[in-house]
Amino acid sequence: MGNSNQKLQEEKYENVMKKFKLKESIHHNQLGMIRVYTLKDDNNYSIFEFHKTPTTSEEAKLMLAHYKNRKCYNNDNITQIFFISEQHSQILCQDQTQLTVIGEFFYNNLQNEMKMNYQSKNYSNNNNQQFPELRLWQITLQIVNACTFLEKNGRYHGEIKSKNIYLHPDQSIKLTEYNFIYGSMNGYQKALLLNDFQYLSPELLKELRAKNSQPNVDFIKGDVFALGLTLLELANLSSCEQYYDWISKEVHIHKIIQANDLLIQKGYSTLFTNLIYQMISEVEIRPRFSDLKEVLSHFENEINNNLDFYSRYQMKQSHQYNIYNSVYTQPQQRPGQINQTQSIYLPNGSY
């Protein structure tokens, strides 16, 4: 769809909208109130449109600069903005500015894919009642690609969860970061101000318990932790909310480790489970997305070409981890400190 987006960026508003028909107005989880249009020639391709009215001229400048900067972002796994317009009018003798923003829109997300394909009764007769591991590697690679792009541009996603990971009609991943909308709250702020459940890391939960409105933490590493839980959720077909005590704002890491150990029994490779271990490791040794991207680059060709590269890391039944005596709970072995022969990431960059 990249070429289509480029063409839309070069056209005027009226010409753009002639190609689309209004489908509905909805309140979106991340975008707020939007209008959704579908392409007249292809119902699978949708766009959003929203309007913002700044309250002051200074806010109008900041908002316009925000969206213009975001429009320049060009990454295959990032939601694209391809049109921004600014209209001026006078209401009660006062100047008023309204911004119109149009971008690509996706109805489907990973939470839907999990429910429809692997948890529905209609799917129960299929022998493969779980995400194929290759699909999870494809998801991981594309999310890491998008988040590394954000990281290099001084941003972060801020609210990684399965329902916020969107699917293009070709099944590729699309992400919309928390501040895509000017002035939006990240997941931590929603947890603090609205008590909204989020996949928060232990260091963010510590700040949440202290009711710190400006936590001095690495939010990128917080996103990595949330991605680890999201991958565990997809592999287990079960929400990781069960591992939190949201009343006391604590997460039970040992339960997450046990659940991850059990993925071996479901046929997932140790390479994949070790990747999750790295993502949920202690913040000091937890990788950032740029670290993960460097390591995944060694498998990128196989992932993109649907090739099995992970089976050689698959343990036989007789060699599976004992979840009560995991290598990650043995002395001198913690998440992030695993055997190099099985590791996906180590602080020295080996894999």
Protein backbone atom coordinates (compact mmCIF):
# COMPACT_ATOMS: atom_id res chain seq x y z
CA MET A 1 0.00 0.00 0.00
CA GLY A 2 3.05 2.28 0.11
CA ASN A 3 2.58 3.53 -3.46
CA SER A 4 -1.11 4.21 -2.81
CA ASN A 5 -0.25 6.24 0.26
CA GLN A 6 2.30 8.28 -1.68
CA LYS A 7 -0.28 9.14 -4.32
CA LEU A 8 -2.77 10.17 -1.65
CA GLN A 9 -0.17 12.42 -0.01
CA GLU A 10 0.22 14.35 -3.23
CA GLU A 11 -3.47 15.02 -3.83
CA LYS A 12 -5.83 17.68 -2.52
CA TYR A 13 -8.45 16.89 0.10
CA GLU A 14 -11.38 16.95 -2.34
CA ASN A 15 -9.64 14.62 -4.76
CA VAL A 16 -8.67 12.23 -1.98
CA MET A 17 -12.18 11.96 -0.57
CA LYS A 18 -13.76 11.37 -3.99
CA LYS A 19 -12.13 7.96 -3.97
CA PHE A 20 -13.69 6.93 -0.66
CA LYS A 21 -17.14 6.39 0.77
CA LEU A 22 -18.13 7.01 4.39
CA LYS A 23 -18.64 3.77 6.29
CA GLU A 24 -19.22 4.88 9.88
CA SER A 25 -18.29 7.19 12.75
CA ILE A 26 -16.79 5.41 15.74
CA HIS A 27 -14.93 6.00 18.99
CA HIS A 28 -11.60 4.29 18.54
CA ASN A 29 -9.51 2.91 21.39
CA GLN A 30 -6.46 5.00 20.44
CA LEU A 31 -7.68 7.62 17.96
CA GLY A 32 -10.83 8.82 19.72
CA MET A 33 -13.77 10.00 17.61
CA ILE A 34 -13.09 9.36 13.94
CA ARG A 35 -14.86 8.86 10.65
CA VAL A 36 -13.94 5.70 8.76
CA TYR A 37 -14.06 5.63 4.96
CA THR A 38 -13.49 2.69 2.62
CA LEU A 39 -11.99 2.84 -0.84
CA LYS A 40 -14.78 2.65 -3.42
CA ASP A 41 -12.81 0.17 -5.50
CA ASP A 42 -11.54 -1.91 -2.58
CA ASN A 43 -13.53 -2.35 0.64
CA ASN A 44 -10.47 -3.90 2.31
CA TYR A 45 -8.66 -0.56 2.37
CA SER A 46 -9.88 2.01 4.89
CA ILE A 47 -8.84 5.46 6.06
CA PHE A 48 -9.65 7.51 9.15
CA GLU A 49 -10.45 11.19 9.31
CA PHE A 50 -10.56 13.30 12.44
CA HIS A 51 -10.80 17.00 13.19
CA LYS A 52 -9.04 18.86 15.98
CA THR A 53 -9.81 22.40 17.11
CA PRO A 54 -6.99 24.01 19.11
CA THR A 55 -8.04 26.41 21.85
CA THR A 56 -5.22 28.92 21.29
CA SER A 57 -3.03 30.03 18.41
CA GLU A 58 0.01 28.66 20.22
CA GLU A 59 -1.64 25.25 20.61
CA ALA A 60 -2.58 25.38 16.92
CA LYS A 61 1.10 25.83 15.97
CA LEU A 62 2.22 23.01 18.24
CA MET A 63 -0.51 20.68 17.04
CA LEU A 64 0.16 21.38 13.38
CA ALA A 65 3.90 20.85 13.87
CA HIS A 66 3.17 17.59 15.68
CA TYR A 67 1.10 16.13 12.85
CA LYS A 68 3.41 17.42 10.12
CA ASN A 69 6.35 15.78 11.86
CA ARG A 70 4.39 12.54 12.27
CA LYS A 71 3.37 12.61 8.60
CA CYS A 72 7.05 12.33 7.68
CA TYR A 73 7.36 8.96 9.40
CA ASN A 74 7.81 6.28 6.78
CA ASN A 75 7.95 2.72 8.02
CA ASP A 76 6.14 -0.35 6.72
CA ASN A 77 4.85 -1.26 10.18
CA ILE A 78 3.83 2.20 11.37
CA THR A 79 0.40 3.70 10.72
CA GLN A 80 0.79 6.40 8.08
CA ILE A 81 -0.66 9.91 7.95
CA PHE A 82 -0.97 11.06 4.36
CA PHE A 83 -3.03 14.24 4.55
CA ILE A 84 -3.21 17.26 6.87
CA SER A 85 -5.18 20.41 6.22
CA GLU A 86 -5.58 23.61 8.21
CA GLN A 87 -8.76 25.69 7.96
CA HIS A 88 -9.23 29.14 9.47
CA SER A 89 -12.55 30.78 10.30
CA GLN A 90 -14.04 33.46 12.52
CA ILE A 91 -16.59 32.61 15.18
CA LEU A 92 -17.97 35.44 17.32
CA CYS A 93 -15.21 37.72 16.02
CA GLN A 94 -12.53 35.29 17.12
CA ASP A 95 -10.12 33.43 14.85
CA GLN A 96 -10.49 29.67 15.00
CA THR A 97 -8.30 26.97 13.48
CA GLN A 98 -9.41 23.45 12.65
CA LEU A 99 -7.04 20.69 11.64
CA THR A 100 -8.10 17.73 9.55
CA VAL A 101 -5.94 14.62 9.61
CA ILE A 102 -6.37 11.60 7.35
CA GLY A 103 -4.44 8.34 7.56
CA GLU A 104 -4.67 4.62 7.03
CA PHE A 105 -7.05 2.68 9.26
CA PHE A 106 -7.21 -0.98 10.22
CA TYR A 107 -10.17 -2.73 11.80
CA ASN A 108 -8.46 -5.99 12.60
CA ASN A 109 -5.91 -6.55 15.36
CA LEU A 110 -4.01 -9.40 17.00
CA GLN A 111 -6.60 -9.80 19.73
CA ASN A 112 -9.22 -10.41 17.05
CA GLU A 113 -6.94 -12.83 15.22
CA MET A 114 -6.44 -14.80 18.42
CA LYS A 115 -10.16 -14.93 19.21
CA MET A 116 -11.42 -15.64 15.70
CA ASN A 117 -8.75 -18.08 14.52
CA TYR A 118 -7.71 -19.95 17.63
CA GLN A 119 -10.31 -19.50 20.37
CA SER A 120 -13.60 -19.67 18.46
CA LYS A 121 -15.78 -22.80 18.44
CA ASN A 122 -15.66 -22.82 14.64
CA TYR A 123 -11.92 -23.33 14.85
CA SER A 124 -12.06 -26.13 17.41
CA ASN A 125 -12.09 -28.87 14.78
CA ASN A 126 -8.79 -27.69 13.36
CA ASN A 127 -5.78 -29.64 14.60
CA ASN A 128 -3.63 -26.50 14.82
CA GLN A 129 -5.34 -24.70 17.69
CA GLN A 130 -2.52 -22.30 18.43
CA PHE A 131 -0.46 -19.65 16.69
CA PRO A 132 2.16 -21.28 14.44
CA GLU A 133 5.57 -20.34 15.76
CA LEU A 134 6.61 -18.85 12.42
CA ARG A 135 3.63 -16.47 12.61
CA LEU A 136 4.78 -15.35 16.07
CA TRP A 137 8.29 -14.72 14.77
CA GLN A 138 6.84 -12.65 11.92
CA ILE A 139 4.77 -10.65 14.40
CA THR A 140 7.81 -10.16 16.65
CA LEU A 141 10.09 -9.03 13.84
CA GLN A 142 7.60 -6.49 12.51
CA ILE A 143 6.78 -5.05 15.95
CA VAL A 144 10.50 -4.77 16.76
CA ASN A 145 11.02 -3.10 13.39
CA ALA A 146 8.32 -0.51 14.12
CA CYS A 147 9.41 0.13 17.70
CA THR A 148 13.06 0.47 16.70
CA PHE A 149 11.99 3.10 14.19
CA LEU A 150 10.12 4.95 16.96
CA GLU A 151 13.11 4.57 19.28
CA LYS A 152 15.44 6.15 16.72
CA ASN A 153 12.99 9.05 16.36
CA GLY A 154 12.87 9.70 20.09
CA ARG A 155 9.47 8.11 20.58
CA TYR A 156 8.06 4.92 22.03
CA HIS A 157 4.77 3.06 21.66
CA GLY A 158 3.61 3.47 25.25
CA GLU A 159 0.71 0.99 25.28
CA ILE A 160 1.61 -2.34 23.73
CA LYS A 161 -1.16 -4.91 23.97
CA SER A 162 -2.76 -7.29 21.50
CA LYS A 163 -5.72 -5.04 20.70
CA ASN A 164 -3.35 -2.16 19.87
CA ILE A 165 -1.41 -4.21 17.33
CA TYR A 166 -3.28 -3.80 14.06
CA LEU A 167 -3.33 -5.98 10.98
CA HIS A 168 -3.09 -4.78 7.42
CA PRO A 169 -5.28 -6.78 5.00
CA ASP A 170 -2.09 -8.59 3.93
CA GLN A 171 -1.68 -9.65 7.61
CA SER A 172 1.38 -7.49 8.23
CA ILE A 173 1.62 -5.54 11.48
CA LYS A 174 0.74 -1.88 11.90
CA LEU A 175 1.38 0.10 15.09
CA THR A 176 -0.02 3.42 16.27
CA GLU A 177 2.04 4.90 19.10
CA TYR A 178 0.31 6.47 22.11
CA ASN A 179 1.02 10.11 21.14
CA PHE A 180 -0.03 9.69 17.54
CA ILE A 181 -2.89 11.94 18.69
CA TYR A 182 -1.53 15.20 20.05
CA GLY A 183 -1.78 15.31 23.86
CA SER A 184 -2.77 11.66 24.37
CA MET A 185 -1.86 9.67 27.49
CA ASN A 186 0.46 6.67 27.49
CA GLY A 187 -0.41 3.41 29.21
CA TYR A 188 1.26 4.40 32.47
CA GLN A 189 -0.70 7.65 32.65
CA LYS A 190 -3.95 5.79 31.96
CA ALA A 191 -3.12 3.40 34.79
CA LEU A 192 -2.27 6.27 37.13
CA LEU A 193 -5.19 8.58 36.34
CA LEU A 194 -7.88 6.14 35.20
CA ASN A 195 -6.82 2.91 36.94
CA ASP A 196 -6.81 1.32 33.49
CA PHE A 197 -5.13 -2.09 33.38
CA GLN A 198 -1.89 -2.18 31.40
CA TYR A 199 0.98 -4.61 30.86
CA LEU A 200 3.28 -2.54 33.05
CA SER A 201 6.80 -3.66 33.92
CA PRO A 202 7.91 -4.05 37.56
CA GLU A 203 9.80 -0.73 37.50
CA LEU A 204 6.70 1.10 36.20
CA LEU A 205 4.49 -0.60 38.78
CA LYS A 206 6.85 0.64 41.49
CA GLU A 207 6.36 4.19 40.22
CA LEU A 208 2.61 3.59 40.00
CA ARG A 209 2.41 2.49 43.63
CA ALA A 210 4.22 5.72 44.56
CA LYS A 211 1.70 7.66 42.40
CA ASN A 212 4.59 9.33 40.58
CA SER A 213 3.25 11.41 37.70
CA GLN A 214 6.69 11.73 36.09
CA PRO A 215 8.50 8.42 36.52
CA ASN A 216 12.20 8.43 35.74
CA VAL A 217 12.26 5.11 33.89
CA ASP A 218 13.11 3.82 30.43
CA PHE A 219 9.71 3.60 28.73
CA ILE A 220 11.26 1.77 25.78
CA LYS A 221 12.29 -1.07 28.06
CA GLY A 222 8.79 -0.91 29.52
CA ASP A 223 7.47 -1.51 26.00
CA VAL A 224 9.83 -4.46 25.58
CA PHE A 225 8.38 -6.01 28.75
CA ALA A 226 4.84 -5.45 27.45
CA LEU A 227 5.75 -7.09 24.15
CA GLY A 228 7.08 -10.12 26.02
CA LEU A 229 3.74 -10.50 27.78
CA THR A 230 1.84 -9.95 24.53
CA LEU A 231 3.79 -12.75 22.84
CA LEU A 232 3.14 -15.00 25.84
CA GLU A 233 -0.56 -14.13 25.61
CA LEU A 234 -0.67 -15.09 21.93
CA ALA A 235 1.24 -18.34 22.46
CA ASN A 236 -0.91 -19.34 25.45
CA LEU A 237 -4.14 -17.93 23.97
CA SER A 238 -4.76 -16.40 27.38
CA SER A 239 -4.46 -12.89 28.78
CA CYS A 240 -1.48 -12.17 31.03
CA GLU A 241 -3.71 -10.07 33.27
CA GLN A 242 -3.95 -13.19 35.44
CA TYR A 243 -0.33 -12.67 36.51
CA TYR A 244 -1.07 -9.23 37.99
CA ASP A 245 -2.55 -8.15 41.28
CA TRP A 246 -3.98 -4.88 40.03
CA ILE A 247 -5.27 -3.90 43.47
CA SER A 248 -1.77 -3.90 44.95
CA LYS A 249 -0.23 -3.00 41.57
CA GLU A 250 2.17 -5.93 41.48
CA VAL A 251 3.14 -8.49 38.84
CA HIS A 252 4.07 -12.07 39.71
CA ILE A 253 7.13 -12.71 37.58
CA HIS A 254 7.52 -16.30 38.81
CA LYS A 255 4.08 -17.15 37.41
CA ILE A 256 5.02 -15.61 34.06
CA ILE A 257 8.20 -17.70 34.03
CA GLN A 258 6.23 -20.86 34.76
CA ALA A 259 3.76 -20.06 31.97
CA ASN A 260 6.63 -19.43 29.58
CA ASP A 261 8.27 -22.74 30.54
CA LEU A 262 5.05 -24.51 29.59
CA LEU A 263 5.29 -23.24 26.01
CA ILE A 264 7.90 -25.95 25.42
CA GLN A 265 5.20 -28.57 26.02
CA LYS A 266 3.05 -26.88 23.39
CA GLY A 267 5.80 -27.35 20.83
CA TYR A 268 7.36 -23.89 20.81
CA SER A 269 11.14 -23.71 20.53
CA THR A 270 13.53 -22.77 23.29
CA LEU A 271 14.71 -19.97 21.02
CA PHE A 272 11.25 -18.40 21.22
CA THR A 273 10.79 -18.94 24.95
CA ASN A 274 14.26 -17.53 25.62
CA LEU A 275 13.31 -14.44 23.64
CA ILE A 276 10.35 -13.90 25.96
CA TYR A 277 12.60 -14.44 28.99
CA GLN A 278 14.88 -11.69 27.76
CA MET A 279 11.94 -9.34 27.31
CA ILE A 280 10.70 -9.86 30.88
CA SER A 281 14.14 -9.82 32.48
CA GLU A 282 15.22 -7.24 35.04
CA VAL A 283 15.34 -3.75 33.63
CA GLU A 284 19.13 -3.45 33.98
CA ILE A 285 19.71 -6.32 31.56
CA ARG A 286 16.52 -6.11 29.52
CA PRO A 287 17.25 -5.25 25.86
CA ARG A 288 15.88 -2.25 24.01
CA PHE A 289 14.23 -2.65 20.62
CA SER A 290 17.39 -1.63 18.79
CA ASP A 291 19.19 -4.49 20.55
CA LEU A 292 16.46 -6.95 19.59
CA LYS A 293 16.46 -5.77 16.00
CA GLU A 294 20.19 -6.39 15.70
CA VAL A 295 19.82 -9.95 16.94
CA LEU A 296 16.68 -10.73 14.91
CA SER A 297 18.48 -9.54 11.79
CA HIS A 298 20.33 -12.88 11.84
CA PHE A 299 17.01 -14.66 11.24
CA GLU A 300 15.26 -11.98 9.19
CA ASN A 301 15.67 -13.69 5.83
CA GLU A 302 14.19 -16.95 7.12
CA ILE A 303 11.31 -15.17 8.85
CA ASN A 304 10.38 -13.12 5.80
CA ASN A 305 10.58 -16.15 3.52
CA ASN A 306 8.51 -18.44 5.76
CA LEU A 307 11.44 -20.72 6.48
CA ASP A 308 11.80 -22.83 9.61
CA PHE A 309 14.95 -21.77 11.44
CA TYR A 310 13.86 -22.52 15.00
CA SER A 311 13.15 -26.28 15.05
CA ARG A 312 16.79 -27.03 15.75
CA TYR A 313 16.24 -25.21 19.06
CA GLN A 314 13.21 -27.34 19.90
CA MET A 315 13.70 -29.58 22.92
CA LYS A 316 12.49 -33.14 22.89
CA GLN A 317 9.95 -34.28 25.48
CA SER A 318 12.59 -35.95 27.63
CA HIS A 319 14.64 -32.75 27.75
CA GLN A 320 11.89 -30.24 28.51
CA TYR A 321 12.31 -27.80 31.35
CA ASN A 322 10.80 -28.74 34.67
CA ILE A 323 8.72 -25.67 35.46
CA TYR A 324 9.41 -26.11 39.15
CA ASN A 325 13.16 -26.28 38.62
CA SER A 326 13.67 -24.13 35.53
CA VAL A 327 17.13 -23.14 34.44
CA TYR A 328 15.92 -19.62 35.08
CA THR A 329 15.32 -20.30 38.76
CA GLN A 330 18.47 -22.29 39.44
CA PRO A 331 21.35 -20.57 41.26
CA GLN A 332 23.12 -17.99 39.11
CA GLN A 333 20.50 -18.38 36.39
CA ARG A 334 17.86 -15.67 36.09
CA PRO A 335 15.92 -14.22 33.16
CA GLY A 336 18.52 -12.47 31.07
CA GLN A 337 21.31 -14.74 32.27
CA ILE A 338 20.75 -17.86 30.21
CA ASN A 339 23.03 -20.35 28.53
CA GLN A 340 24.69 -18.83 25.47
CA THR A 341 23.95 -21.95 23.37
CA GLN A 342 20.22 -21.30 23.78
CA SER A 343 20.12 -17.52 24.11
CA ILE A 344 18.54 -15.06 21.71
CA TYR A 345 20.16 -12.02 23.27
CA LEU A 346 22.93 -11.39 25.72
CA PRO A 347 24.35 -8.04 26.87
CA ASN A 348 27.45 -8.70 24.78
CA GLY A 349 25.29 -9.08 21.67
CA SER A 350 25.64 -12.82 21.12
CA TYR A 351 22.72 -14.94 19.97
